[in-house]
């Protein structure tokens, strides 16, 4: 089986800020993304859990798999956008089966 090397970018932000991040991702030429809603966890700011009353303070995780140049552009452009917002951005190596999808 042939595998193709790509980059996986994961961004965790408040749900209300996700449209701005998604707009930036689309502008880079990425062919798609996945959004996981109501992401919870614990970090240096304490516990961040889902709220049953409202999603105003809920987090989402955005996952993008792309060629290295596009992934690096997403990471670079995310930094000024997150300057005044809480957010986590990571990039890692992944192998995919269908090169033409990314």
PDB file of N, CA and C in Angstrom:
ATOM      1  N   UNK A   1       0.856  -1.180   0.000  1.00  0.00           N
ATOM      2  CA  UNK A   1       0.000   0.000   0.000  1.00  0.00           C
ATOM      3  C   UNK A   1       0.898   1.238   0.000  1.00  0.00           C
ATOM      4  N   UNK A   2       0.572   2.184  -0.838  1.00  0.00           N
ATOM      5  CA  UNK A   2       1.300   3.448  -0.935  1.00  0.00           C
ATOM      6  C   UNK A   2       0.763   4.444   0.102  1.00  0.00           C
ATOM      7  N   UNK A   3       1.662   5.078   0.854  1.00  0.00           N
ATOM      8  CA  UNK A   3       1.287   6.123   1.801  1.00  0.00           C
ATOM      9  C   UNK A   3       1.961   7.427   1.396  1.00  0.00           C
ATOM     10  N   UNK A   4       1.300   8.544   1.719  1.00  0.00           N
ATOM     11  CA  UNK A   4       1.794   9.866   1.356  1.00  0.00           C
ATOM     12  C   UNK A   4       1.927  10.717   2.616  1.00  0.00           C
ATOM     13  N   UNK A   5       3.049  11.392   2.754  1.00  0.00           N
ATOM     14  CA  UNK A   5       3.308  12.222   3.937  1.00  0.00           C
ATOM     15  C   UNK A   5       2.590  13.556   3.836  1.00  0.00           C
ATOM     16  N   UNK A   6       1.899  13.914   4.895  1.00  0.00           N
ATOM     17  CA  UNK A   6       1.206  15.204   5.006  1.00  0.00           C
ATOM     18  C   UNK A   6       1.431  15.749   6.410  1.00  0.00           C
ATOM     19  N   UNK A   7       0.880  16.910   6.677  1.00  0.00           N
ATOM     20  CA  UNK A   7       0.908  17.509   8.007  1.00  0.00           C
ATOM     21  C   UNK A   7      -0.517  17.577   8.529  1.00  0.00           C
ATOM     22  N   UNK A   8      -0.644  17.403   9.835  1.00  0.00           N
ATOM     23  CA  UNK A   8      -1.941  17.514  10.510  1.00  0.00           C
ATOM     24  C   UNK A   8      -1.857  18.704  11.457  1.00  0.00           C
ATOM     25  N   UNK A   9      -2.728  19.668  11.241  1.00  0.00           N
ATOM     26  CA  UNK A   9      -2.792  20.843  12.102  1.00  0.00           C
ATOM     27  C   UNK A   9      -4.061  20.723  12.936  1.00  0.00           C
ATOM     28  N   UNK A  10      -3.907  20.900  14.253  1.00  0.00           N
ATOM     29  CA  UNK A  10      -5.047  20.880  15.162  1.00  0.00           C
ATOM     30  C   UNK A  10      -5.102  22.215  15.882  1.00  0.00           C
ATOM     31  N   UNK A  11      -6.277  22.808  15.873  1.00  0.00           N
ATOM     32  CA  UNK A  11      -6.481  24.100  16.532  1.00  0.00           C
ATOM     33  C   UNK A  11      -7.682  23.960  17.459  1.00  0.00           C
ATOM     34  N   UNK A  12      -7.487  24.296  18.727  1.00  0.00           N
ATOM     35  CA  UNK A  12      -8.588  24.293  19.688  1.00  0.00           C
ATOM     36  C   UNK A  12      -8.849  25.737  20.078  1.00  0.00           C
ATOM     37  N   UNK A  13     -10.080  26.193  19.849  1.00  0.00           N
ATOM     38  CA  UNK A  13     -10.477  27.572  20.148  1.00  0.00           C
ATOM     39  C   UNK A  13     -11.904  27.591  20.672  1.00  0.00           C
ATOM     40  N   UNK A  14     -12.290  28.736  21.203  1.00  0.00           N
ATOM     41  CA  UNK A  14     -13.685  28.907  21.608  1.00  0.00           C
ATOM     42  C   UNK A  14     -14.567  28.833  20.364  1.00  0.00           C
ATOM     43  N   UNK A  15     -15.723  28.212  20.530  1.00  0.00           N
ATOM     44  CA  UNK A  15     -16.634  28.000  19.402  1.00  0.00           C
ATOM     45  C   UNK A  15     -16.993  29.303  18.700  1.00  0.00           C
ATOM     46  N   UNK A  16     -17.133  30.373  19.447  1.00  0.00           N
ATOM     47  CA  UNK A  16     -17.519  31.653  18.846  1.00  0.00           C
ATOM     48  C   UNK A  16     -16.445  32.212  17.917  1.00  0.00           C
ATOM     49  N   UNK A  17     -15.198  31.765  18.081  1.00  0.00           N
ATOM     50  CA  UNK A  17     -14.103  32.265  17.249  1.00  0.00           C
ATOM     51  C   UNK A  17     -13.788  31.332  16.079  1.00  0.00           C
ATOM     52  N   UNK A  18     -14.394  30.159  16.059  1.00  0.00           N
ATOM     53  CA  UNK A  18     -14.130  29.174  15.015  1.00  0.00           C
ATOM     54  C   UNK A  18     -14.386  29.691  13.596  1.00  0.00           C
ATOM     55  N   UNK A  19     -15.457  30.458  13.329  1.00  0.00           N
ATOM     56  CA  UNK A  19     -15.662  30.939  11.959  1.00  0.00           C
ATOM     57  C   UNK A  19     -14.485  31.758  11.423  1.00  0.00           C
ATOM     58  N   UNK A  20     -13.851  32.535  12.264  1.00  0.00           N
ATOM     59  CA  UNK A  20     -12.690  33.321  11.836  1.00  0.00           C
ATOM     60  C   UNK A  20     -11.542  32.396  11.454  1.00  0.00           C
ATOM     61  N   UNK A  21     -11.300  31.378  12.254  1.00  0.00           N
ATOM     62  CA  UNK A  21     -10.231  30.424  11.973  1.00  0.00           C
ATOM     63  C   UNK A  21     -10.536  29.638  10.700  1.00  0.00           C
ATOM     64  N   UNK A  22     -11.786  29.217  10.530  1.00  0.00           N
ATOM     65  CA  UNK A  22     -12.160  28.457   9.337  1.00  0.00           C
ATOM     66  C   UNK A  22     -12.021  29.296   8.074  1.00  0.00           C
ATOM     67  N   UNK A  23     -12.354  30.561   8.154  1.00  0.00           N
ATOM     68  CA  UNK A  23     -12.196  31.461   7.007  1.00  0.00           C
ATOM     69  C   UNK A  23     -10.715  31.559   6.614  1.00  0.00           C
ATOM     70  N   UNK A  24      -9.836  31.671   7.613  1.00  0.00           N
ATOM     71  CA  UNK A  24      -8.404  31.746   7.349  1.00  0.00           C
ATOM     72  C   UNK A  24      -7.916  30.439   6.715  1.00  0.00           C
ATOM     73  N   UNK A  25      -8.380  29.300   7.229  1.00  0.00           N
ATOM     74  CA  UNK A  25      -7.969  27.997   6.699  1.00  0.00           C
ATOM     75  C   UNK A  25      -8.362  27.876   5.234  1.00  0.00           C
ATOM     76  N   UNK A  26      -9.581  28.257   4.907  1.00  0.00           N
ATOM     77  CA  UNK A  26     -10.031  28.180   3.518  1.00  0.00           C
ATOM     78  C   UNK A  26      -9.217  29.094   2.617  1.00  0.00           C
ATOM     79  N   UNK A  27      -8.807  30.250   3.127  1.00  0.00           N
ATOM     80  CA  UNK A  27      -8.017  31.202   2.338  1.00  0.00           C
ATOM     81  C   UNK A  27      -6.622  30.663   2.018  1.00  0.00           C
ATOM     82  N   UNK A  28      -6.121  29.710   2.806  1.00  0.00           N
ATOM     83  CA  UNK A  28      -4.788  29.151   2.544  1.00  0.00           C
ATOM     84  C   UNK A  28      -4.798  28.154   1.395  1.00  0.00           C
ATOM     85  N   UNK A  29      -5.974  27.711   0.992  1.00  0.00           N
ATOM     86  CA  UNK A  29      -6.060  26.717  -0.069  1.00  0.00           C
ATOM     87  C   UNK A  29      -6.218  25.299   0.442  1.00  0.00           C
ATOM     88  N   UNK A  30      -6.375  25.126   1.747  1.00  0.00           N
ATOM     89  CA  UNK A  30      -6.627  23.786   2.288  1.00  0.00           C
ATOM     90  C   UNK A  30      -7.910  23.243   1.666  1.00  0.00           C
ATOM     91  N   UNK A  31      -7.927  21.960   1.376  1.00  0.00           N
ATOM     92  CA  UNK A  31      -9.076  21.378   0.680  1.00  0.00           C
ATOM     93  C   UNK A  31     -10.210  20.966   1.607  1.00  0.00           C
ATOM     94  N   UNK A  32      -9.980  21.000   2.917  1.00  0.00           N
ATOM     95  CA  UNK A  32     -11.041  20.634   3.842  1.00  0.00           C
ATOM     96  C   UNK A  32     -10.567  20.676   5.274  1.00  0.00           C
ATOM     97  N   UNK A  33     -11.490  20.408   6.173  1.00  0.00           N
ATOM     98  CA  UNK A  33     -11.201  20.389   7.601  1.00  0.00           C
ATOM     99  C   UNK A  33     -12.309  19.629   8.310  1.00  0.00           C
ATOM    100  N   UNK A  34     -12.055  19.265   9.562  1.00  0.00           N
ATOM    101  CA  UNK A  34     -13.039  18.619  10.416  1.00  0.00           C
ATOM    102  C   UNK A  34     -13.175  19.464  11.674  1.00  0.00           C
ATOM    103  N   UNK A  35     -14.406  19.663  12.141  1.00  0.00           N
ATOM    104  CA  UNK A  35     -14.653  20.414  13.371  1.00  0.00           C
ATOM    105  C   UNK A  35     -15.323  19.478  14.372  1.00  0.00           C
ATOM    106  N   UNK A  36     -14.697  19.350  15.527  1.00  0.00           N
ATOM    107  CA  UNK A  36     -15.260  18.557  16.624  1.00  0.00           C
ATOM    108  C   UNK A  36     -15.777  19.527  17.667  1.00  0.00           C
ATOM    109  N   UNK A  37     -17.047  19.423  18.004  1.00  0.00           N
ATOM    110  CA  UNK A  37     -17.681  20.364  18.924  1.00  0.00           C
ATOM    111  C   UNK A  37     -17.592  19.884  20.370  1.00  0.00           C
ATOM    112  N   UNK A  38     -17.719  20.836  21.285  1.00  0.00           N
ATOM    113  CA  UNK A  38     -17.751  20.593  22.722  1.00  0.00           C
ATOM    114  C   UNK A  38     -16.545  19.803  23.208  1.00  0.00           C
ATOM    115  N   UNK A  39     -15.365  20.314  22.870  1.00  0.00           N
ATOM    116  CA  UNK A  39     -14.117  19.717  23.317  1.00  0.00           C
ATOM    117  C   UNK A  39     -13.847  20.207  24.734  1.00  0.00           C
ATOM    118  N   UNK A  40     -13.502  19.298  25.616  1.00  0.00           N
ATOM    119  CA  UNK A  40     -13.229  19.689  26.995  1.00  0.00           C
ATOM    120  C   UNK A  40     -11.898  19.095  27.438  1.00  0.00           C
ATOM    121  N   UNK A  41     -11.345  19.661  28.503  1.00  0.00           N
ATOM    122  CA  UNK A  41     -10.082  19.162  29.023  1.00  0.00           C
ATOM    123  C   UNK A  41      -9.563  20.054  30.128  1.00  0.00           C
ATOM    124  N   UNK A  42      -8.317  19.820  30.488  1.00  0.00           N
ATOM    125  CA  UNK A  42      -7.699  20.597  31.551  1.00  0.00           C
ATOM    126  C   UNK A  42      -6.307  21.014  31.105  1.00  0.00           C
ATOM    127  N   UNK A  43      -5.986  22.274  31.347  1.00  0.00           N
ATOM    128  CA  UNK A  43      -4.678  22.798  30.983  1.00  0.00           C
ATOM    129  C   UNK A  43      -4.197  23.794  32.005  1.00  0.00           C
ATOM    130  N   UNK A  44      -3.265  24.653  31.614  1.00  0.00           N
ATOM    131  CA  UNK A  44      -2.695  25.599  32.569  1.00  0.00           C
ATOM    132  C   UNK A  44      -3.704  26.638  33.050  1.00  0.00           C
ATOM    133  N   UNK A  45      -4.810  26.787  32.347  1.00  0.00           N
ATOM    134  CA  UNK A  45      -5.870  27.702  32.780  1.00  0.00           C
ATOM    135  C   UNK A  45      -6.948  27.001  33.590  1.00  0.00           C
ATOM    136  N   UNK A  46      -6.742  25.724  33.873  1.00  0.00           N
ATOM    137  CA  UNK A  46      -7.701  24.974  34.668  1.00  0.00           C
ATOM    138  C   UNK A  46      -8.600  24.095  33.811  1.00  0.00           C
ATOM    139  N   UNK A  47      -9.686  23.649  34.403  1.00  0.00           N
ATOM    140  CA  UNK A  47     -10.629  22.754  33.745  1.00  0.00           C
ATOM    141  C   UNK A  47     -11.515  23.519  32.767  1.00  0.00           C
ATOM    142  N   UNK A  48     -11.673  22.956  31.591  1.00  0.00           N
ATOM    143  CA  UNK A  48     -12.564  23.537  30.581  1.00  0.00           C
ATOM    144  C   UNK A  48     -13.524  22.430  30.188  1.00  0.00           C
ATOM    145  N   UNK A  49     -14.748  22.492  30.721  1.00  0.00           N
ATOM    146  CA  UNK A  49     -15.724  21.431  30.490  1.00  0.00           C
ATOM    147  C   UNK A  49     -16.889  21.964  29.683  1.00  0.00           C
ATOM    148  N   UNK A  50     -17.606  21.045  29.037  1.00  0.00           N
ATOM    149  CA  UNK A  50     -18.780  21.453  28.281  1.00  0.00           C
ATOM    150  C   UNK A  50     -19.837  22.017  29.220  1.00  0.00           C
ATOM    151  N   UNK A  51     -20.612  22.944  28.725  1.00  0.00           N
ATOM    152  CA  UNK A  51     -21.671  23.559  29.519  1.00  0.00           C
ATOM    153  C   UNK A  51     -23.008  23.113  28.978  1.00  0.00           C
ATOM    154  N   UNK A  52     -23.876  22.706  29.858  1.00  0.00           N
ATOM    155  CA  UNK A  52     -25.195  22.259  29.427  1.00  0.00           C
ATOM    156  C   UNK A  52     -26.160  23.413  29.188  1.00  0.00           C
ATOM    157  N   UNK A  53     -25.855  24.592  29.718  1.00  0.00           N
ATOM    158  CA  UNK A  53     -26.767  25.717  29.595  1.00  0.00           C
ATOM    159  C   UNK A  53     -26.572  26.491  28.295  1.00  0.00           C
ATOM    160  N   UNK A  54     -25.338  26.648  27.868  1.00  0.00           N
ATOM    161  CA  UNK A  54     -25.052  27.433  26.676  1.00  0.00           C
ATOM    162  C   UNK A  54     -23.738  26.974  26.068  1.00  0.00           C
ATOM    163  N   UNK A  55     -23.542  27.226  24.784  1.00  0.00           N
ATOM    164  CA  UNK A  55     -22.265  26.869  24.159  1.00  0.00           C
ATOM    165  C   UNK A  55     -21.359  28.089  23.988  1.00  0.00           C
ATOM    166  N   UNK A  56     -21.690  29.183  24.671  1.00  0.00           N
ATOM    167  CA  UNK A  56     -20.919  30.416  24.546  1.00  0.00           C
ATOM    168  C   UNK A  56     -19.454  30.185  24.897  1.00  0.00           C
ATOM    169  N   UNK A  57     -19.195  29.390  25.925  1.00  0.00           N
ATOM    170  CA  UNK A  57     -17.825  29.172  26.366  1.00  0.00           C
ATOM    171  C   UNK A  57     -17.286  27.798  25.963  1.00  0.00           C
ATOM    172  N   UNK A  58     -17.946  27.118  25.058  1.00  0.00           N
ATOM    173  CA  UNK A  58     -17.478  25.796  24.654  1.00  0.00           C
ATOM    174  C   UNK A  58     -16.330  25.917  23.655  1.00  0.00           C
ATOM    175  N   UNK A  59     -15.515  24.889  23.626  1.00  0.00           N
ATOM    176  CA  UNK A  59     -14.388  24.831  22.699  1.00  0.00           C
ATOM    177  C   UNK A  59     -14.705  23.913  21.540  1.00  0.00           C
ATOM    178  N   UNK A  60     -14.049  24.156  20.415  1.00  0.00           N
ATOM    179  CA  UNK A  60     -14.090  23.251  19.278  1.00  0.00           C
ATOM    180  C   UNK A  60     -12.660  22.902  18.906  1.00  0.00           C
ATOM    181  N   UNK A  61     -12.508  21.752  18.277  1.00  0.00           N
ATOM    182  CA  UNK A  61     -11.213  21.343  17.744  1.00  0.00           C
ATOM    183  C   UNK A  61     -11.350  21.299  16.233  1.00  0.00           C
ATOM    184  N   UNK A  62     -10.451  21.974  15.561  1.00  0.00           N
ATOM    185  CA  UNK A  62     -10.431  22.006  14.100  1.00  0.00           C
ATOM    186  C   UNK A  62      -9.215  21.214  13.644  1.00  0.00           C
ATOM    187  N   UNK A  63      -9.440  20.254  12.771  1.00  0.00           N
ATOM    188  CA  UNK A  63      -8.360  19.405  12.262  1.00  0.00           C
ATOM    189  C   UNK A  63      -8.238  19.613  10.757  1.00  0.00           C
ATOM    190  N   UNK A  64      -7.013  19.868  10.317  1.00  0.00           N
ATOM    191  CA  UNK A  64      -6.730  20.034   8.890  1.00  0.00           C
ATOM    192  C   UNK A  64      -5.570  19.120   8.531  1.00  0.00           C
ATOM    193  N   UNK A  65      -5.708  18.367   7.464  1.00  0.00           N
ATOM    194  CA  UNK A  65      -4.598  17.588   6.924  1.00  0.00           C
ATOM    195  C   UNK A  65      -4.285  18.198   5.572  1.00  0.00           C
ATOM    196  N   UNK A  66      -3.009  18.569   5.389  1.00  0.00           N
ATOM    197  CA  UNK A  66      -2.628  19.304   4.184  1.00  0.00           C
ATOM    198  C   UNK A  66      -1.157  19.076   3.863  1.00  0.00           C
ATOM    199  N   UNK A  67      -0.778  19.544   2.681  1.00  0.00           N
ATOM    200  CA  UNK A  67       0.631  19.557   2.305  1.00  0.00           C
ATOM    201  C   UNK A  67       1.385  20.466   3.273  1.00  0.00           C
ATOM    202  N   UNK A  68       2.676  20.238   3.410  1.00  0.00           N
ATOM    203  CA  UNK A  68       3.459  20.968   4.403  1.00  0.00           C
ATOM    204  C   UNK A  68       3.389  22.486   4.236  1.00  0.00           C
ATOM    205  N   UNK A  69       3.469  22.978   3.029  1.00  0.00           N
ATOM    206  CA  UNK A  69       3.450  24.432   2.812  1.00  0.00           C
ATOM    207  C   UNK A  69       2.145  25.053   3.299  1.00  0.00           C
ATOM    208  N   UNK A  70       1.037  24.418   3.010  1.00  0.00           N
ATOM    209  CA  UNK A  70      -0.263  24.931   3.455  1.00  0.00           C
ATOM    210  C   UNK A  70      -0.386  24.823   4.970  1.00  0.00           C
ATOM    211  N   UNK A  71       0.046  23.709   5.541  1.00  0.00           N
ATOM    212  CA  UNK A  71      -0.027  23.526   6.990  1.00  0.00           C
ATOM    213  C   UNK A  71       0.791  24.591   7.714  1.00  0.00           C
ATOM    214  N   UNK A  72       1.980  24.864   7.225  1.00  0.00           N
ATOM    215  CA  UNK A  72       2.818  25.893   7.855  1.00  0.00           C
ATOM    216  C   UNK A  72       2.190  27.277   7.734  1.00  0.00           C
ATOM    217  N   UNK A  73       1.522  27.533   6.623  1.00  0.00           N
ATOM    218  CA  UNK A  73       0.827  28.811   6.457  1.00  0.00           C
ATOM    219  C   UNK A  73      -0.326  28.937   7.457  1.00  0.00           C
ATOM    220  N   UNK A  74      -1.055  27.848   7.670  1.00  0.00           N
ATOM    221  CA  UNK A  74      -2.151  27.857   8.645  1.00  0.00           C
ATOM    222  C   UNK A  74      -1.609  28.150  10.040  1.00  0.00           C
ATOM    223  N   UNK A  75      -0.537  27.474  10.419  1.00  0.00           N
ATOM    224  CA  UNK A  75       0.052  27.694  11.747  1.00  0.00           C
ATOM    225  C   UNK A  75       0.524  29.138  11.874  1.00  0.00           C
ATOM    226  N   UNK A  76       1.189  29.636  10.861  1.00  0.00           N
ATOM    227  CA  UNK A  76       1.704  31.011  10.895  1.00  0.00           C
ATOM    228  C   UNK A  76       0.580  32.041  10.989  1.00  0.00           C
ATOM    229  N   UNK A  77      -0.451  31.864  10.183  1.00  0.00           N
ATOM    230  CA  UNK A  77      -1.555  32.829  10.175  1.00  0.00           C
ATOM    231  C   UNK A  77      -2.459  32.705  11.400  1.00  0.00           C
ATOM    232  N   UNK A  78      -2.405  31.572  12.091  1.00  0.00           N
ATOM    233  CA  UNK A  78      -3.223  31.415  13.288  1.00  0.00           C
ATOM    234  C   UNK A  78      -2.694  32.252  14.453  1.00  0.00           C
ATOM    235  N   UNK A  79      -1.392  32.484  14.479  1.00  0.00           N
ATOM    236  CA  UNK A  79      -0.796  33.160  15.629  1.00  0.00           C
ATOM    237  C   UNK A  79      -1.323  34.580  15.836  1.00  0.00           C
ATOM    238  N   UNK A  80      -1.338  35.440  14.829  1.00  0.00           N
ATOM    239  CA  UNK A  80      -1.898  36.777  15.069  1.00  0.00           C
ATOM    240  C   UNK A  80      -3.395  36.754  15.377  1.00  0.00           C
ATOM    241  N   UNK A  81      -4.119  35.778  14.809  1.00  0.00           N
ATOM    242  CA  UNK A  81      -5.555  35.682  15.071  1.00  0.00           C
ATOM    243  C   UNK A  81      -5.827  35.305  16.520  1.00  0.00           C
ATOM    244  N   UNK A  82      -4.938  34.515  17.105  1.00  0.00           N
ATOM    245  CA  UNK A  82      -5.144  34.032  18.473  1.00  0.00           C
ATOM    246  C   UNK A  82      -4.489  34.918  19.522  1.00  0.00           C
ATOM    247  N   UNK A  83      -3.918  36.015  19.092  1.00  0.00           N
ATOM    248  CA  UNK A  83      -3.196  36.889  20.014  1.00  0.00           C
ATOM    249  C   UNK A  83      -4.032  37.291  21.223  1.00  0.00           C
ATOM    250  N   UNK A  84      -5.305  37.572  21.019  1.00  0.00           N
ATOM    251  CA  UNK A  84      -6.181  38.002  22.111  1.00  0.00           C
ATOM    252  C   UNK A  84      -7.200  36.937  22.509  1.00  0.00           C
ATOM    253  N   UNK A  85      -6.973  35.696  22.061  1.00  0.00           N
ATOM    254  CA  UNK A  85      -7.895  34.593  22.361  1.00  0.00           C
ATOM    255  C   UNK A  85      -7.110  33.399  22.886  1.00  0.00           C
ATOM    256  N   UNK A  86      -7.751  32.614  23.713  1.00  0.00           N
ATOM    257  CA  UNK A  86      -7.147  31.356  24.138  1.00  0.00           C
ATOM    258  C   UNK A  86      -7.199  30.397  22.958  1.00  0.00           C
ATOM    259  N   UNK A  87      -6.124  29.687  22.731  1.00  0.00           N
ATOM    260  CA  UNK A  87      -6.109  28.726  21.642  1.00  0.00           C
ATOM    261  C   UNK A  87      -4.879  27.848  21.703  1.00  0.00           C
ATOM    262  N   UNK A  88      -5.025  26.644  21.213  1.00  0.00           N
ATOM    263  CA  UNK A  88      -3.915  25.703  21.137  1.00  0.00           C
ATOM    264  C   UNK A  88      -3.754  25.318  19.678  1.00  0.00           C
ATOM    265  N   UNK A  89      -2.523  25.381  19.180  1.00  0.00           N
ATOM    266  CA  UNK A  89      -2.231  25.014  17.798  1.00  0.00           C
ATOM    267  C   UNK A  89      -1.086  24.011  17.804  1.00  0.00           C
ATOM    268  N   UNK A  90      -1.294  22.880  17.161  1.00  0.00           N
ATOM    269  CA  UNK A  90      -0.229  21.888  17.017  1.00  0.00           C
ATOM    270  C   UNK A  90      -0.138  21.449  15.566  1.00  0.00           C
ATOM    271  N   UNK A  91       1.056  20.967  15.193  1.00  0.00           N
ATOM    272  CA  UNK A  91       1.253  20.413  13.862  1.00  0.00           C
ATOM    273  C   UNK A  91       2.067  19.131  14.015  1.00  0.00           C
ATOM    274  N   UNK A  92       1.635  18.087  13.334  1.00  0.00           N
ATOM    275  CA  UNK A  92       2.337  16.805  13.409  1.00  0.00           C
ATOM    276  C   UNK A  92       2.369  16.152  12.030  1.00  0.00           C
ATOM    277  N   UNK A  93       3.195  15.134  11.914  1.00  0.00           N
ATOM    278  CA  UNK A  93       3.312  14.374  10.673  1.00  0.00           C
ATOM    279  C   UNK A  93       2.258  13.273  10.638  1.00  0.00           C
ATOM    280  N   UNK A  94       1.654  13.073   9.477  1.00  0.00           N
ATOM    281  CA  UNK A  94       0.721  11.963   9.274  1.00  0.00           C
ATOM    282  C   UNK A  94       0.966  11.355   7.905  1.00  0.00           C
ATOM    283  N   UNK A  95       0.560  10.125   7.740  1.00  0.00           N
ATOM    284  CA  UNK A  95       0.584   9.463   6.441  1.00  0.00           C
ATOM    285  C   UNK A  95      -0.854   9.214   6.024  1.00  0.00           C
ATOM    286  N   UNK A  96      -1.156   9.492   4.762  1.00  0.00           N
ATOM    287  CA  UNK A  96      -2.502   9.289   4.242  1.00  0.00           C
ATOM    288  C   UNK A  96      -2.464   8.303   3.081  1.00  0.00           C
ATOM    289  N   UNK A  97      -3.597   7.682   2.823  1.00  0.00           N
ATOM    290  CA  UNK A  97      -3.693   6.706   1.748  1.00  0.00           C
ATOM    291  C   UNK A  97      -4.010   7.390   0.415  1.00  0.00           C
ATOM    292  N   UNK A  98      -4.841   8.439   0.464  1.00  0.00           N
ATOM    293  CA  UNK A  98      -5.277   9.092  -0.772  1.00  0.00           C
ATOM    294  C   UNK A  98      -4.643  10.480  -0.883  1.00  0.00           C
ATOM    295  N   UNK A  99      -3.553  10.561  -1.602  1.00  0.00           N
ATOM    296  CA  UNK A  99      -2.795  11.807  -1.757  1.00  0.00           C
ATOM    297  C   UNK A  99      -3.647  12.927  -2.374  1.00  0.00           C
ATOM    298  N   UNK A 100      -4.497  12.585  -3.335  1.00  0.00           N
ATOM    299  CA  UNK A 100      -5.265  13.594  -4.057  1.00  0.00           C
ATOM    300  C   UNK A 100      -6.379  14.223  -3.222  1.00  0.00           C
ATOM    301  N   UNK A 101      -6.642  13.718  -2.017  1.00  0.00           N
ATOM    302  CA  UNK A 101      -7.667  14.312  -1.158  1.00  0.00           C
ATOM    303  C   UNK A 101      -7.140  15.466  -0.324  1.00  0.00           C
ATOM    304  N   UNK A 102      -5.824  15.633  -0.285  1.00  0.00           N
ATOM    305  CA  UNK A 102      -5.215  16.625   0.566  1.00  0.00           C
ATOM    306  C   UNK A 102      -4.288  17.494  -0.234  1.00  0.00           C
TER     307      UNK A 102
END
